[in-house]
Amino acid sequence: RDYEEVTRSVLESFGISQSSISRAFIEESKKLLEEFEQRDLGGHDFIALVIDGKYLSHENIVIALGITMSGVKAPLGFIQTTSENSEAIKGLLKNLIGRNFRFEEGLLTIIDGSKGLKKAVEETFGKFTLTQRCQWHKRENVVSYLREEEKAIYRGKIQRAYNEPDYE
């Protein structure tokens, strides 16, 4: 039950300090992060790009996730920013393009409805992209106006409507 004490005693018995393990972890994770942020994206046939902001330890992280023609989802990049503003997002998108992210044959971009995201996508990809509002975000926005006891009912109704192949 005393994991911390056991870990310290094991480390001391091998002559390894916590600070040396911490330094090794920092160095290795720095190297892996650099490889991730610099990898060439040109070998993939991306047809869609999902961009969304998430909070991680009270920090806003905007994530770009690519979807290939075969349906494979691949994290492409991320930035830490105070908000989903267009300038920060354009920096992320231009970084992807600099790493050979191809979009000139057409790209579906899925966002949460943020004006900053929409502006960044339109200014960066122009006529080569169609932008769609994420269904999950739209559904949650709609049901947020309902009473708590109605939310589950309308989530189901909206989801069934999304699943319909056409309008009749």
C-alpha atoms as a PDB file:
ATOM      1  CA  ARG A   1       0.000   0.000   0.000  1.00  0.00           C
ATOM      2  CA  ASP A   2       2.941   2.339   0.441  1.00  0.00           C
ATOM      3  CA  TYR A   3       4.009   2.479  -3.195  1.00  0.00           C
ATOM      4  CA  GLU A   4       6.053   5.638  -2.787  1.00  0.00           C
ATOM      5  CA  GLU A   5       8.170   4.212   0.062  1.00  0.00           C
ATOM      6  CA  VAL A   6       8.714   0.898  -1.753  1.00  0.00           C
ATOM      7  CA  THR A   7       9.748   2.758  -4.910  1.00  0.00           C
ATOM      8  CA  ARG A   8      12.268   4.861  -2.966  1.00  0.00           C
ATOM      9  CA  SER A   9      13.806   1.821  -1.289  1.00  0.00           C
ATOM     10  CA  VAL A  10      14.128  -0.023  -4.625  1.00  0.00           C
ATOM     11  CA  LEU A  11      15.711   3.001  -6.266  1.00  0.00           C
ATOM     12  CA  GLU A  12      18.159   3.438  -3.382  1.00  0.00           C
ATOM     13  CA  SER A  13      19.117  -0.244  -3.479  1.00  0.00           C
ATOM     14  CA  PHE A  14      20.098   0.143  -7.159  1.00  0.00           C
ATOM     15  CA  GLY A  15      21.803   3.496  -6.577  1.00  0.00           C
ATOM     16  CA  ILE A  16      19.326   5.354  -8.799  1.00  0.00           C
ATOM     17  CA  SER A  17      18.000   8.739  -7.721  1.00  0.00           C
ATOM     18  CA  GLN A  18      14.542  10.078  -8.453  1.00  0.00           C
ATOM     19  CA  SER A  19      16.091  13.118 -10.114  1.00  0.00           C
ATOM     20  CA  SER A  20      18.094  10.963 -12.552  1.00  0.00           C
ATOM     21  CA  ILE A  21      14.933   9.062 -13.516  1.00  0.00           C
ATOM     22  CA  SER A  22      13.088  12.356 -13.906  1.00  0.00           C
ATOM     23  CA  ARG A  23      15.875  13.740 -16.130  1.00  0.00           C
ATOM     24  CA  ALA A  24      15.851  10.583 -18.252  1.00  0.00           C
ATOM     25  CA  PHE A  25      12.066  10.755 -18.620  1.00  0.00           C
ATOM     26  CA  ILE A  26      12.193  14.426 -19.603  1.00  0.00           C
ATOM     27  CA  GLU A  27      14.916  13.818 -22.185  1.00  0.00           C
ATOM     28  CA  GLU A  28      13.175  10.791 -23.722  1.00  0.00           C
ATOM     29  CA  SER A  29       9.744  12.463 -23.825  1.00  0.00           C
ATOM     30  CA  LYS A  30      11.307  15.609 -25.358  1.00  0.00           C
ATOM     31  CA  LYS A  31      12.858  13.489 -28.114  1.00  0.00           C
ATOM     32  CA  LEU A  32       9.571  11.665 -28.802  1.00  0.00           C
ATOM     33  CA  LEU A  33       7.621  14.945 -28.870  1.00  0.00           C
ATOM     34  CA  GLU A  34      10.061  16.446 -31.382  1.00  0.00           C
ATOM     35  CA  GLU A  35       9.707  13.351 -33.597  1.00  0.00           C
ATOM     36  CA  PHE A  36       5.903  13.621 -33.376  1.00  0.00           C
ATOM     37  CA  GLU A  37       5.883  17.341 -34.183  1.00  0.00           C
ATOM     38  CA  GLN A  38       8.299  17.019 -37.113  1.00  0.00           C
ATOM     39  CA  ARG A  39       7.108  13.826 -38.805  1.00  0.00           C
ATOM     40  CA  ASP A  40       6.251  13.973 -42.496  1.00  0.00           C
ATOM     41  CA  LEU A  41       2.504  13.716 -43.183  1.00  0.00           C
ATOM     42  CA  GLY A  42       2.876  13.366 -46.962  1.00  0.00           C
ATOM     43  CA  GLY A  43       2.595   9.580 -46.961  1.00  0.00           C
ATOM     44  CA  HIS A  44      -1.053   9.671 -45.873  1.00  0.00           C
ATOM     45  CA  ASP A  45      -4.205  10.317 -47.874  1.00  0.00           C
ATOM     46  CA  PHE A  46      -6.218  12.469 -45.450  1.00  0.00           C
ATOM     47  CA  ILE A  47      -9.785  13.253 -46.416  1.00  0.00           C
ATOM     48  CA  ALA A  48     -10.964  14.791 -43.143  1.00  0.00           C
ATOM     49  CA  LEU A  49      -9.573  16.886 -40.328  1.00  0.00           C
ATOM     50  CA  VAL A  50     -11.155  17.157 -36.883  1.00  0.00           C
ATOM     51  CA  ILE A  51     -10.088  20.147 -34.795  1.00  0.00           C
ATOM     52  CA  ASP A  52     -11.188  20.614 -31.214  1.00  0.00           C
ATOM     53  CA  GLY A  53     -10.036  22.204 -27.989  1.00  0.00           C
ATOM     54  CA  LYS A  54      -9.820  20.218 -24.765  1.00  0.00           C
ATOM     55  CA  TYR A  55      -8.762  21.233 -21.284  1.00  0.00           C
ATOM     56  CA  LEU A  56      -5.872  19.316 -19.769  1.00  0.00           C
ATOM     57  CA  SER A  57      -4.880  20.348 -16.239  1.00  0.00           C
ATOM     58  CA  HIS A  58      -6.569  23.721 -16.688  1.00  0.00           C
ATOM     59  CA  GLU A  59      -4.729  24.361 -19.968  1.00  0.00           C
ATOM     60  CA  ASN A  60      -6.553  24.645 -23.309  1.00  0.00           C
ATOM     61  CA  ILE A  61      -5.027  22.255 -25.849  1.00  0.00           C
ATOM     62  CA  VAL A  62      -6.270  22.409 -29.451  1.00  0.00           C
ATOM     63  CA  ILE A  63      -5.874  19.069 -31.200  1.00  0.00           C
ATOM     64  CA  ALA A  64      -5.839  18.263 -34.928  1.00  0.00           C
ATOM     65  CA  LEU A  65      -6.838  14.710 -35.829  1.00  0.00           C
ATOM     66  CA  GLY A  66      -6.642  13.474 -39.413  1.00  0.00           C
ATOM     67  CA  ILE A  67      -8.844  10.780 -40.955  1.00  0.00           C
ATOM     68  CA  THR A  68      -7.537   8.871 -43.958  1.00  0.00           C
ATOM     69  CA  MET A  69      -9.431   7.479 -46.940  1.00  0.00           C
ATOM     70  CA  SER A  70      -9.392   4.054 -45.250  1.00  0.00           C
ATOM     71  CA  GLY A  71     -10.830   5.452 -41.997  1.00  0.00           C
ATOM     72  CA  VAL A  72      -7.629   5.483 -39.959  1.00  0.00           C
ATOM     73  CA  LYS A  73      -7.552   8.283 -37.384  1.00  0.00           C
ATOM     74  CA  ALA A  74      -4.162   9.851 -36.710  1.00  0.00           C
ATOM     75  CA  PRO A  75      -3.249  12.635 -34.300  1.00  0.00           C
ATOM     76  CA  LEU A  76      -1.455  15.258 -36.381  1.00  0.00           C
ATOM     77  CA  GLY A  77      -0.591  18.025 -33.991  1.00  0.00           C
ATOM     78  CA  PHE A  78      -1.646  20.171 -31.082  1.00  0.00           C
ATOM     79  CA  ILE A  79      -1.030  23.560 -29.538  1.00  0.00           C
ATOM     80  CA  GLN A  80      -1.513  25.070 -26.130  1.00  0.00           C
ATOM     81  CA  THR A  81      -3.499  28.283 -26.364  1.00  0.00           C
ATOM     82  CA  THR A  82      -5.694  30.454 -24.189  1.00  0.00           C
ATOM     83  CA  SER A  83      -8.647  30.117 -26.573  1.00  0.00           C
ATOM     84  CA  GLU A  84      -9.695  28.752 -29.951  1.00  0.00           C
ATOM     85  CA  ASN A  85      -8.663  31.985 -31.680  1.00  0.00           C
ATOM     86  CA  SER A  86      -8.007  32.017 -35.403  1.00  0.00           C
ATOM     87  CA  GLU A  87      -4.360  33.142 -35.283  1.00  0.00           C
ATOM     88  CA  ALA A  88      -3.272  30.320 -32.990  1.00  0.00           C
ATOM     89  CA  ILE A  89      -5.211  27.751 -35.028  1.00  0.00           C
ATOM     90  CA  LYS A  90      -3.760  29.053 -38.311  1.00  0.00           C
ATOM     91  CA  GLY A  91      -0.308  28.494 -36.840  1.00  0.00           C
ATOM     92  CA  LEU A  92      -1.201  24.871 -36.117  1.00  0.00           C
ATOM     93  CA  LEU A  93      -2.670  24.351 -39.604  1.00  0.00           C
ATOM     94  CA  LYS A  94       0.302  25.972 -41.337  1.00  0.00           C
ATOM     95  CA  ASN A  95       2.593  23.685 -39.367  1.00  0.00           C
ATOM     96  CA  LEU A  96       0.665  20.688 -40.754  1.00  0.00           C
ATOM     97  CA  ILE A  97       0.972  22.040 -44.301  1.00  0.00           C
ATOM     98  CA  GLY A  98       4.699  22.565 -43.746  1.00  0.00           C
ATOM     99  CA  ARG A  99       4.902  18.858 -42.898  1.00  0.00           C
ATOM    100  CA  ASN A 100       3.297  17.920 -46.249  1.00  0.00           C
ATOM    101  CA  PHE A 101      -0.332  17.683 -45.137  1.00  0.00           C
ATOM    102  CA  ARG A 102      -2.128  17.553 -48.490  1.00  0.00           C
ATOM    103  CA  PHE A 103      -5.564  19.140 -48.839  1.00  0.00           C
ATOM    104  CA  GLU A 104      -5.727  20.390 -52.438  1.00  0.00           C
ATOM    105  CA  GLU A 105      -7.886  17.437 -53.579  1.00  0.00           C
ATOM    106  CA  GLY A 106     -10.530  18.346 -51.007  1.00  0.00           C
ATOM    107  CA  LEU A 107     -10.889  18.109 -47.267  1.00  0.00           C
ATOM    108  CA  LEU A 108     -13.809  17.795 -44.876  1.00  0.00           C
ATOM    109  CA  THR A 109     -13.087  19.790 -41.745  1.00  0.00           C
ATOM    110  CA  ILE A 110     -15.108  19.035 -38.626  1.00  0.00           C
ATOM    111  CA  ILE A 111     -15.182  21.649 -35.869  1.00  0.00           C
ATOM    112  CA  ASP A 112     -17.235  22.483 -32.791  1.00  0.00           C
ATOM    113  CA  GLY A 113     -18.740  25.690 -34.141  1.00  0.00           C
ATOM    114  CA  SER A 114     -16.104  28.060 -32.774  1.00  0.00           C
ATOM    115  CA  LYS A 115     -15.852  31.181 -34.937  1.00  0.00           C
ATOM    116  CA  GLY A 116     -12.067  31.212 -34.504  1.00  0.00           C
ATOM    117  CA  LEU A 117     -11.750  27.636 -35.755  1.00  0.00           C
ATOM    118  CA  LYS A 118     -14.012  28.320 -38.725  1.00  0.00           C
ATOM    119  CA  LYS A 119     -12.096  31.453 -39.693  1.00  0.00           C
ATOM    120  CA  ALA A 120      -8.715  29.711 -39.415  1.00  0.00           C
ATOM    121  CA  VAL A 121      -9.881  26.761 -41.521  1.00  0.00           C
ATOM    122  CA  GLU A 122     -11.385  28.970 -44.228  1.00  0.00           C
ATOM    123  CA  GLU A 123      -8.364  31.273 -44.412  1.00  0.00           C
ATOM    124  CA  THR A 124      -5.882  28.391 -44.476  1.00  0.00           C
ATOM    125  CA  PHE A 125      -7.593  25.859 -46.745  1.00  0.00           C
ATOM    126  CA  GLY A 126      -9.882  28.202 -48.721  1.00  0.00           C
ATOM    127  CA  LYS A 127     -11.929  26.608 -51.490  1.00  0.00           C
ATOM    128  CA  PHE A 128     -10.426  23.171 -50.827  1.00  0.00           C
ATOM    129  CA  THR A 129     -12.415  22.491 -47.672  1.00  0.00           C
ATOM    130  CA  LEU A 130     -15.990  21.925 -46.605  1.00  0.00           C
ATOM    131  CA  THR A 131     -16.628  22.629 -42.956  1.00  0.00           C
ATOM    132  CA  GLN A 132     -19.136  20.668 -40.906  1.00  0.00           C
ATOM    133  CA  ARG A 133     -20.196  21.312 -37.350  1.00  0.00           C
ATOM    134  CA  CYS A 134     -19.523  18.303 -35.146  1.00  0.00           C
ATOM    135  CA  GLN A 135     -22.789  16.467 -34.501  1.00  0.00           C
ATOM    136  CA  TRP A 136     -21.888  15.741 -30.886  1.00  0.00           C
ATOM    137  CA  HIS A 137     -21.213  19.419 -30.157  1.00  0.00           C
ATOM    138  CA  LYS A 138     -24.408  20.500 -31.930  1.00  0.00           C
ATOM    139  CA  ARG A 139     -26.505  17.917 -30.089  1.00  0.00           C
ATOM    140  CA  GLU A 140     -25.059  18.894 -26.707  1.00  0.00           C
ATOM    141  CA  ASN A 141     -25.620  22.578 -27.470  1.00  0.00           C
ATOM    142  CA  VAL A 142     -29.279  21.917 -28.290  1.00  0.00           C
ATOM    143  CA  VAL A 143     -30.000  19.745 -25.242  1.00  0.00           C
ATOM    144  CA  SER A 144     -28.261  22.208 -22.905  1.00  0.00           C
ATOM    145  CA  TYR A 145     -31.410  24.373 -23.157  1.00  0.00           C
ATOM    146  CA  LEU A 146     -33.661  21.557 -21.920  1.00  0.00           C
ATOM    147  CA  ARG A 147     -34.651  20.466 -18.438  1.00  0.00           C
ATOM    148  CA  GLU A 148     -32.464  17.689 -17.024  1.00  0.00           C
ATOM    149  CA  GLU A 149     -35.242  15.069 -17.290  1.00  0.00           C
ATOM    150  CA  GLU A 150     -35.699  15.810 -21.030  1.00  0.00           C
ATOM    151  CA  LYS A 151     -32.041  15.669 -22.079  1.00  0.00           C
ATOM    152  CA  ALA A 152     -31.720  11.889 -22.504  1.00  0.00           C
ATOM    153  CA  ILE A 153     -34.949  11.699 -24.504  1.00  0.00           C
ATOM    154  CA  TYR A 154     -33.888  14.414 -26.947  1.00  0.00           C
ATOM    155  CA  ARG A 155     -30.308  13.131 -27.223  1.00  0.00           C
ATOM    156  CA  GLY A 156     -31.836   9.883 -28.507  1.00  0.00           C
ATOM    157  CA  LYS A 157     -34.216  11.675 -30.884  1.00  0.00           C
ATOM    158  CA  ILE A 158     -31.437  13.824 -32.330  1.00  0.00           C
ATOM    159  CA  GLN A 159     -29.132  10.820 -32.722  1.00  0.00           C
ATOM    160  CA  ARG A 160     -31.852   8.857 -34.549  1.00  0.00           C
ATOM    161  CA  ALA A 161     -32.333  11.824 -36.880  1.00  0.00           C
ATOM    162  CA  TYR A 162     -28.577  11.925 -37.564  1.00  0.00           C
ATOM    163  CA  ASN A 163     -28.682   8.212 -38.415  1.00  0.00           C
ATOM    164  CA  GLU A 164     -31.340   8.665 -41.121  1.00  0.00           C
ATOM    165  CA  PRO A 165     -29.859   8.443 -44.630  1.00  0.00           C
ATOM    166  CA  ASP A 166     -32.265  11.006 -46.155  1.00  0.00           C
ATOM    167  CA  TYR A 167     -35.077  13.423 -45.383  1.00  0.00           C
ATOM    168  CA  GLU A 168     -38.598  12.068 -45.741  1.00  0.00           C
END
